[in-house]
């Protein structure tokens, strides 16, 4: 019975270790996935996702949710369960704003109507588009 006990202990320990390693690997992939999802509005080409949900998403994040909630993300004692997920939610909304600014500027530069769809050129929306547009306006 000693051999069975040792065998059981070894298998249980190995199973716990394998489960823990698998959980850690999946958890780290999720945080990277959140970042990638938040970048969708910055992608080149036409973005059906951006066209369909960006305006409502921006309204929800920046108008319907408390500004104090978002400030909480920057605090060290933030008690949110999954801080990375909430940062991605905010990042997606901010990237929607960047895409809209880029599309509006692109339409204006190319003499397009305000509701014409924009095919964002290769390279996607620059992450610093808002600063670039501010700099252009002040020049």
N, C-alpha and C. Protein backbone atom coordinates (compact mmCIF):
# COMPACT_ATOMS: atom_id res chain seq x y z
N UNK A 1 0.82 -1.20 0.00
CA UNK A 1 0.00 0.00 0.00
C UNK A 1 0.86 1.26 0.00
N UNK A 2 2.11 1.15 0.47
CA UNK A 2 3.04 2.30 0.46
C UNK A 2 3.35 2.71 -0.97
N UNK A 3 3.57 1.71 -1.83
CA UNK A 3 3.86 2.02 -3.24
C UNK A 3 2.67 2.75 -3.88
N UNK A 4 1.46 2.31 -3.58
CA UNK A 4 0.28 2.96 -4.13
C UNK A 4 0.14 4.38 -3.59
N UNK A 5 0.44 4.58 -2.33
CA UNK A 5 0.36 5.91 -1.72
C UNK A 5 1.36 6.88 -2.33
N UNK A 6 2.59 6.41 -2.50
CA UNK A 6 3.63 7.25 -3.12
C UNK A 6 3.25 7.55 -4.57
N UNK A 7 2.77 6.54 -5.27
CA UNK A 7 2.36 6.73 -6.67
C UNK A 7 1.22 7.74 -6.77
N UNK A 8 0.24 7.62 -5.87
CA UNK A 8 -0.88 8.57 -5.86
C UNK A 8 -0.39 9.98 -5.56
N UNK A 9 0.48 10.12 -4.58
CA UNK A 9 1.02 11.43 -4.21
C UNK A 9 1.78 12.05 -5.38
N UNK A 10 2.60 11.24 -6.07
CA UNK A 10 3.34 11.74 -7.22
C UNK A 10 2.39 12.20 -8.32
N UNK A 11 1.40 11.38 -8.65
CA UNK A 11 0.45 11.73 -9.71
C UNK A 11 -0.36 12.98 -9.35
N UNK A 12 -0.77 13.08 -8.11
CA UNK A 12 -1.53 14.26 -7.67
C UNK A 12 -0.66 15.51 -7.74
N UNK A 13 0.58 15.41 -7.32
CA UNK A 13 1.49 16.56 -7.38
C UNK A 13 1.75 16.97 -8.82
N UNK A 14 1.99 15.97 -9.68
CA UNK A 14 2.23 16.27 -11.09
C UNK A 14 0.99 16.90 -11.72
N UNK A 15 -0.18 16.39 -11.40
CA UNK A 15 -1.42 16.93 -11.95
C UNK A 15 -1.65 18.38 -11.50
N UNK A 16 -1.37 18.66 -10.23
CA UNK A 16 -1.52 20.03 -9.72
C UNK A 16 -0.53 20.96 -10.40
N UNK A 17 0.70 20.49 -10.57
CA UNK A 17 1.72 21.31 -11.23
C UNK A 17 1.32 21.59 -12.68
N UNK A 18 0.89 20.56 -13.40
CA UNK A 18 0.50 20.72 -14.81
C UNK A 18 -0.70 21.67 -14.92
N UNK A 19 -1.66 21.53 -14.03
CA UNK A 19 -2.82 22.42 -14.05
C UNK A 19 -2.42 23.87 -13.79
N UNK A 20 -1.54 24.07 -12.83
CA UNK A 20 -1.07 25.42 -12.51
C UNK A 20 -0.33 26.04 -13.69
N UNK A 21 0.57 25.26 -14.34
CA UNK A 21 1.32 25.76 -15.50
C UNK A 21 0.35 26.10 -16.65
N UNK A 22 -0.61 25.25 -16.88
CA UNK A 22 -1.58 25.51 -17.95
C UNK A 22 -2.38 26.77 -17.68
N UNK A 23 -2.80 26.94 -16.44
CA UNK A 23 -3.55 28.14 -16.06
C UNK A 23 -2.71 29.39 -16.28
N UNK A 24 -1.43 29.35 -15.87
CA UNK A 24 -0.55 30.50 -16.04
C UNK A 24 -0.35 30.84 -17.52
N UNK A 25 -0.17 29.81 -18.34
CA UNK A 25 0.03 30.06 -19.78
C UNK A 25 -1.21 30.69 -20.39
N UNK A 26 -2.37 30.17 -20.07
CA UNK A 26 -3.62 30.71 -20.63
C UNK A 26 -3.87 32.12 -20.12
N UNK A 27 -3.59 32.36 -18.85
CA UNK A 27 -3.80 33.69 -18.28
C UNK A 27 -2.94 34.73 -18.96
N UNK A 28 -1.70 34.41 -19.24
CA UNK A 28 -0.82 35.38 -19.88
C UNK A 28 -1.25 35.62 -21.32
N UNK A 29 -1.78 34.61 -21.99
CA UNK A 29 -2.27 34.79 -23.35
C UNK A 29 -3.50 35.69 -23.35
N UNK A 30 -4.35 35.58 -22.34
CA UNK A 30 -5.55 36.42 -22.29
C UNK A 30 -5.19 37.89 -22.23
N UNK A 31 -4.19 38.27 -21.43
CA UNK A 31 -3.85 39.69 -21.33
C UNK A 31 -3.33 40.19 -22.67
N UNK A 32 -2.57 39.37 -23.40
CA UNK A 32 -2.12 39.77 -24.72
C UNK A 32 -3.30 39.84 -25.68
N UNK A 33 -4.26 38.95 -25.54
CA UNK A 33 -5.44 38.97 -26.40
C UNK A 33 -6.24 40.25 -26.18
N UNK A 34 -6.35 40.68 -24.95
CA UNK A 34 -7.06 41.93 -24.66
C UNK A 34 -6.41 43.09 -25.39
N UNK A 35 -5.09 43.15 -25.36
CA UNK A 35 -4.37 44.23 -26.03
C UNK A 35 -4.61 44.19 -27.54
N UNK A 36 -4.60 43.00 -28.10
CA UNK A 36 -4.82 42.86 -29.54
C UNK A 36 -6.24 43.26 -29.92
N UNK A 37 -7.20 42.89 -29.13
CA UNK A 37 -8.59 43.27 -29.40
C UNK A 37 -8.75 44.78 -29.32
N UNK A 38 -8.10 45.40 -28.36
CA UNK A 38 -8.19 46.86 -28.21
C UNK A 38 -7.62 47.59 -29.42
N UNK A 39 -6.75 46.95 -30.18
CA UNK A 39 -6.12 47.58 -31.35
C UNK A 39 -6.95 47.44 -32.63
N UNK A 40 -8.04 46.71 -32.59
CA UNK A 40 -8.84 46.48 -33.80
C UNK A 40 -9.21 47.78 -34.52
N UNK A 41 -9.65 48.83 -33.82
CA UNK A 41 -10.00 50.05 -34.55
C UNK A 41 -8.83 50.72 -35.28
N UNK A 42 -7.61 50.35 -34.97
CA UNK A 42 -6.45 50.96 -35.61
C UNK A 42 -6.01 50.23 -36.88
N UNK A 43 -6.65 49.11 -37.18
CA UNK A 43 -6.25 48.27 -38.31
C UNK A 43 -6.48 48.95 -39.66
N UNK A 44 -5.65 48.59 -40.63
CA UNK A 44 -5.80 49.10 -41.99
C UNK A 44 -7.06 48.52 -42.63
N UNK A 45 -7.52 49.18 -43.67
CA UNK A 45 -8.69 48.72 -44.40
C UNK A 45 -9.98 49.24 -43.79
N UNK A 46 -11.08 48.63 -44.22
CA UNK A 46 -12.37 48.98 -43.65
C UNK A 46 -12.58 48.09 -42.43
N UNK A 47 -13.13 48.65 -41.39
CA UNK A 47 -13.35 47.88 -40.17
C UNK A 47 -14.84 47.82 -39.87
N UNK A 48 -15.43 46.67 -40.15
CA UNK A 48 -16.85 46.49 -39.87
C UNK A 48 -17.10 46.60 -38.37
N UNK A 49 -16.18 46.05 -37.58
CA UNK A 49 -16.31 46.13 -36.12
C UNK A 49 -16.37 47.60 -35.70
N UNK A 50 -15.45 48.40 -36.22
CA UNK A 50 -15.42 49.82 -35.87
C UNK A 50 -16.68 50.53 -36.33
N UNK A 51 -17.12 50.22 -37.55
CA UNK A 51 -18.33 50.86 -38.08
C UNK A 51 -19.55 50.54 -37.23
N UNK A 52 -19.64 49.32 -36.76
CA UNK A 52 -20.85 48.87 -36.06
C UNK A 52 -20.89 49.23 -34.59
N UNK A 53 -19.76 49.20 -33.90
CA UNK A 53 -19.86 49.37 -32.45
C UNK A 53 -19.11 50.56 -31.86
N UNK A 54 -18.23 51.20 -32.63
CA UNK A 54 -17.38 52.23 -32.03
C UNK A 54 -18.16 53.38 -31.40
N UNK A 55 -19.14 53.92 -32.10
CA UNK A 55 -19.83 55.10 -31.54
C UNK A 55 -20.54 54.75 -30.23
N UNK A 56 -21.19 53.60 -30.18
CA UNK A 56 -21.87 53.19 -28.95
C UNK A 56 -20.85 52.86 -27.85
N UNK A 57 -19.74 52.23 -28.23
CA UNK A 57 -18.71 51.86 -27.27
C UNK A 57 -18.11 53.10 -26.63
N UNK A 58 -17.78 54.10 -27.45
CA UNK A 58 -17.19 55.34 -26.94
C UNK A 58 -18.19 56.03 -26.01
N UNK A 59 -19.45 56.06 -26.41
CA UNK A 59 -20.47 56.68 -25.57
C UNK A 59 -20.58 55.96 -24.22
N UNK A 60 -20.59 54.64 -24.25
CA UNK A 60 -20.68 53.86 -23.02
C UNK A 60 -19.48 54.13 -22.10
N UNK A 61 -18.28 54.05 -22.66
CA UNK A 61 -17.06 54.17 -21.86
C UNK A 61 -16.84 55.59 -21.35
N UNK A 62 -17.05 56.58 -22.21
CA UNK A 62 -16.70 57.95 -21.84
C UNK A 62 -17.85 58.79 -21.31
N UNK A 63 -19.08 58.37 -21.56
CA UNK A 63 -20.22 59.17 -21.11
C UNK A 63 -21.09 58.48 -20.06
N UNK A 64 -21.29 57.18 -20.20
CA UNK A 64 -22.19 56.49 -19.28
C UNK A 64 -21.48 55.94 -18.04
N UNK A 65 -20.20 55.68 -18.15
CA UNK A 65 -19.46 55.16 -17.00
C UNK A 65 -18.76 56.32 -16.30
N UNK A 66 -18.67 56.23 -15.01
CA UNK A 66 -18.07 57.30 -14.20
C UNK A 66 -16.59 57.48 -14.53
N UNK A 67 -16.16 58.71 -14.62
CA UNK A 67 -14.74 59.02 -14.84
C UNK A 67 -13.90 58.49 -13.68
N UNK A 68 -14.47 58.49 -12.48
CA UNK A 68 -13.75 57.98 -11.31
C UNK A 68 -13.42 56.49 -11.46
N UNK A 69 -14.30 55.75 -12.14
CA UNK A 69 -14.04 54.33 -12.37
C UNK A 69 -12.75 54.16 -13.16
N UNK A 70 -12.60 54.97 -14.22
CA UNK A 70 -11.41 54.85 -15.06
C UNK A 70 -10.17 55.35 -14.35
N UNK A 71 -10.30 56.37 -13.51
CA UNK A 71 -9.15 56.86 -12.75
C UNK A 71 -8.65 55.77 -11.80
N UNK A 72 -9.56 54.94 -11.32
CA UNK A 72 -9.23 53.84 -10.41
C UNK A 72 -8.22 52.88 -11.03
N UNK A 73 -8.21 52.73 -12.35
CA UNK A 73 -7.28 51.82 -13.01
C UNK A 73 -5.83 52.22 -12.81
N UNK A 74 -5.58 53.50 -12.64
CA UNK A 74 -4.21 53.98 -12.50
C UNK A 74 -3.69 53.92 -11.07
N UNK A 75 -4.58 53.68 -10.13
CA UNK A 75 -4.17 53.63 -8.73
C UNK A 75 -3.54 52.28 -8.39
N UNK A 76 -2.53 52.32 -7.54
CA UNK A 76 -1.83 51.09 -7.17
C UNK A 76 -2.72 50.14 -6.37
N UNK A 77 -3.64 50.67 -5.58
CA UNK A 77 -4.51 49.80 -4.78
C UNK A 77 -5.83 49.50 -5.49
N UNK A 78 -5.79 49.50 -6.82
CA UNK A 78 -6.98 49.19 -7.63
C UNK A 78 -7.48 47.79 -7.27
N UNK A 79 -8.76 47.69 -6.95
CA UNK A 79 -9.32 46.41 -6.51
C UNK A 79 -10.14 45.71 -7.58
N UNK A 80 -10.03 46.16 -8.83
CA UNK A 80 -10.76 45.48 -9.89
C UNK A 80 -10.19 44.09 -10.10
N UNK A 81 -11.06 43.15 -10.41
CA UNK A 81 -10.66 41.76 -10.53
C UNK A 81 -9.67 41.56 -11.68
N UNK A 82 -9.94 42.10 -12.83
CA UNK A 82 -9.07 41.90 -13.99
C UNK A 82 -8.75 43.26 -14.61
N UNK A 83 -7.76 43.89 -14.06
CA UNK A 83 -7.37 45.24 -14.47
C UNK A 83 -7.05 45.31 -15.97
N UNK A 84 -6.38 44.28 -16.49
CA UNK A 84 -6.02 44.25 -17.91
C UNK A 84 -7.23 44.29 -18.82
N UNK A 85 -8.28 43.61 -18.43
CA UNK A 85 -9.51 43.60 -19.24
C UNK A 85 -10.11 45.00 -19.30
N UNK A 86 -10.15 45.68 -18.16
CA UNK A 86 -10.74 47.03 -18.13
C UNK A 86 -9.88 48.03 -18.88
N UNK A 87 -8.56 47.85 -18.81
CA UNK A 87 -7.68 48.74 -19.59
C UNK A 87 -7.91 48.54 -21.08
N UNK A 88 -8.16 47.30 -21.48
CA UNK A 88 -8.44 47.01 -22.88
C UNK A 88 -9.77 47.62 -23.32
N UNK A 89 -10.76 47.60 -22.44
CA UNK A 89 -12.06 48.22 -22.74
C UNK A 89 -11.86 49.72 -23.00
N UNK A 90 -11.11 50.37 -22.13
CA UNK A 90 -10.82 51.79 -22.29
C UNK A 90 -9.97 52.03 -23.53
N UNK A 91 -8.98 51.18 -23.74
CA UNK A 91 -8.11 51.31 -24.92
C UNK A 91 -8.88 51.17 -26.22
N UNK A 92 -9.84 50.23 -26.26
CA UNK A 92 -10.66 50.06 -27.46
C UNK A 92 -11.42 51.34 -27.75
N UNK A 93 -12.03 51.93 -26.73
CA UNK A 93 -12.79 53.17 -26.91
C UNK A 93 -11.87 54.29 -27.39
N UNK A 94 -10.71 54.42 -26.79
CA UNK A 94 -9.76 55.46 -27.20
C UNK A 94 -9.29 55.25 -28.64
N UNK A 95 -9.10 53.99 -29.03
CA UNK A 95 -8.69 53.69 -30.40
C UNK A 95 -9.82 53.94 -31.39
N UNK A 96 -11.06 53.78 -30.95
CA UNK A 96 -12.20 54.15 -31.80
C UNK A 96 -12.19 55.66 -32.08
N UNK A 97 -11.87 56.43 -31.05
CA UNK A 97 -11.79 57.89 -31.21
C UNK A 97 -10.68 58.23 -32.20
N UNK A 98 -9.55 57.55 -32.10
CA UNK A 98 -8.44 57.79 -33.02
C UNK A 98 -8.84 57.45 -34.45
N UNK A 99 -9.53 56.32 -34.63
CA UNK A 99 -9.94 55.93 -35.98
C UNK A 99 -10.91 56.97 -36.57
N UNK A 100 -11.85 57.41 -35.76
CA UNK A 100 -12.81 58.41 -36.25
C UNK A 100 -12.09 59.69 -36.64
N UNK A 101 -11.14 60.13 -35.83
CA UNK A 101 -10.38 61.35 -36.15
C UNK A 101 -9.60 61.16 -37.45
N UNK A 102 -8.99 59.99 -37.61
CA UNK A 102 -8.25 59.71 -38.84
C UNK A 102 -9.18 59.71 -40.04
N UNK A 103 -10.31 59.02 -39.93
CA UNK A 103 -11.26 58.95 -41.04
C UNK A 103 -11.81 60.33 -41.39
N UNK A 104 -12.14 61.14 -40.40
CA UNK A 104 -12.63 62.50 -40.67
C UNK A 104 -11.58 63.32 -41.40
N UNK A 105 -10.34 63.24 -40.96
CA UNK A 105 -9.25 63.97 -41.59
C UNK A 105 -9.02 63.46 -43.02
N UNK A 106 -9.06 62.17 -43.19
CA UNK A 106 -8.86 61.57 -44.51
C UNK A 106 -9.95 62.02 -45.48
N UNK A 107 -11.19 62.02 -45.03
CA UNK A 107 -12.31 62.47 -45.88
C UNK A 107 -12.11 63.93 -46.30
N UNK A 108 -11.73 64.75 -45.35
CA UNK A 108 -11.54 66.17 -45.62
C UNK A 108 -10.41 66.37 -46.63
N UNK A 109 -9.29 65.68 -46.44
CA UNK A 109 -8.14 65.81 -47.33
C UNK A 109 -8.43 65.30 -48.74
N UNK A 110 -9.33 64.33 -48.87
CA UNK A 110 -9.62 63.73 -50.17
C UNK A 110 -10.96 64.17 -50.75
N UNK A 111 -11.57 65.19 -50.17
CA UNK A 111 -12.81 65.74 -50.70
C UNK A 111 -13.97 64.76 -50.69
N UNK A 112 -14.03 63.93 -49.69
CA UNK A 112 -15.10 62.93 -49.58
C UNK A 112 -16.24 63.48 -48.74
N UNK A 113 -17.42 62.86 -48.89
CA UNK A 113 -18.56 63.22 -48.05
C UNK A 113 -18.35 62.67 -46.64
N UNK A 114 -19.04 63.28 -45.69
CA UNK A 114 -18.85 62.89 -44.28
C UNK A 114 -19.30 61.47 -43.97
N UNK A 115 -20.15 60.89 -44.81
CA UNK A 115 -20.60 59.52 -44.54
C UNK A 115 -19.97 58.49 -45.49
N UNK A 116 -19.02 58.93 -46.32
CA UNK A 116 -18.32 57.99 -47.20
C UNK A 116 -17.44 57.07 -46.36
N UNK A 117 -17.45 55.75 -46.68
CA UNK A 117 -16.57 54.85 -45.93
C UNK A 117 -15.10 55.10 -46.29
N UNK A 118 -14.24 54.93 -45.31
CA UNK A 118 -12.80 55.14 -45.51
C UNK A 118 -12.09 53.81 -45.42
N UNK A 119 -11.24 53.58 -46.43
CA UNK A 119 -10.39 52.40 -46.43
C UNK A 119 -9.03 52.86 -45.91
N UNK A 120 -8.76 52.62 -44.63
CA UNK A 120 -7.54 53.10 -43.99
C UNK A 120 -6.34 52.47 -44.70
N UNK A 121 -5.38 53.30 -45.13
CA UNK A 121 -4.22 52.79 -45.86
C UNK A 121 -3.38 51.81 -45.05
N UNK A 122 -2.53 51.08 -45.78
CA UNK A 122 -1.62 50.10 -45.17
C UNK A 122 -0.85 50.77 -44.03
N UNK A 123 -0.68 50.06 -42.95
CA UNK A 123 -0.02 50.61 -41.78
C UNK A 123 -1.02 50.96 -40.70
N UNK A 124 -2.27 51.16 -41.10
CA UNK A 124 -3.32 51.44 -40.13
C UNK A 124 -3.31 52.87 -39.62
N UNK A 125 -4.14 53.11 -38.64
CA UNK A 125 -4.26 54.43 -38.02
C UNK A 125 -3.05 54.64 -37.12
N UNK A 126 -2.32 55.73 -37.31
CA UNK A 126 -1.19 55.99 -36.41
C UNK A 126 -1.67 56.15 -34.96
N UNK A 127 -0.96 55.57 -34.03
CA UNK A 127 -1.37 55.65 -32.63
C UNK A 127 -1.30 57.08 -32.10
N UNK A 128 -0.50 57.91 -32.74
CA UNK A 128 -0.38 59.31 -32.30
C UNK A 128 -1.17 60.26 -33.18
N UNK A 129 -2.23 59.77 -33.83
CA UNK A 129 -3.01 60.58 -34.77
C UNK A 129 -3.59 61.84 -34.12
N UNK A 130 -4.03 61.76 -32.89
CA UNK A 130 -4.64 62.93 -32.24
C UNK A 130 -3.60 64.03 -32.06
N UNK A 131 -2.39 63.68 -31.67
CA UNK A 131 -1.32 64.66 -31.52
C UNK A 131 -0.94 65.24 -32.88
N UNK A 132 -0.89 64.39 -33.90
CA UNK A 132 -0.55 64.85 -35.25
C UNK A 132 -1.58 65.86 -35.75
N UNK A 133 -2.86 65.58 -35.52
CA UNK A 133 -3.90 66.48 -35.99
C UNK A 133 -3.88 67.80 -35.22
N UNK A 134 -3.60 67.73 -33.90
CA UNK A 134 -3.48 68.97 -33.10
C UNK A 134 -2.34 69.83 -33.62
N UNK A 135 -1.23 69.17 -33.95
CA UNK A 135 -0.05 69.89 -34.43
C UNK A 135 -0.36 70.55 -35.79
N UNK A 136 -1.10 69.84 -36.67
CA UNK A 136 -1.48 70.40 -37.96
C UNK A 136 -2.36 71.63 -37.80
N UNK A 137 -3.29 71.56 -36.86
CA UNK A 137 -4.22 72.69 -36.63
C UNK A 137 -3.50 73.91 -36.09
N UNK A 138 -2.49 73.68 -35.26
CA UNK A 138 -1.78 74.82 -34.66
C UNK A 138 -0.75 75.42 -35.62
N UNK A 139 -0.44 74.74 -36.70
CA UNK A 139 0.54 75.26 -37.67
C UNK A 139 -0.06 76.28 -38.59
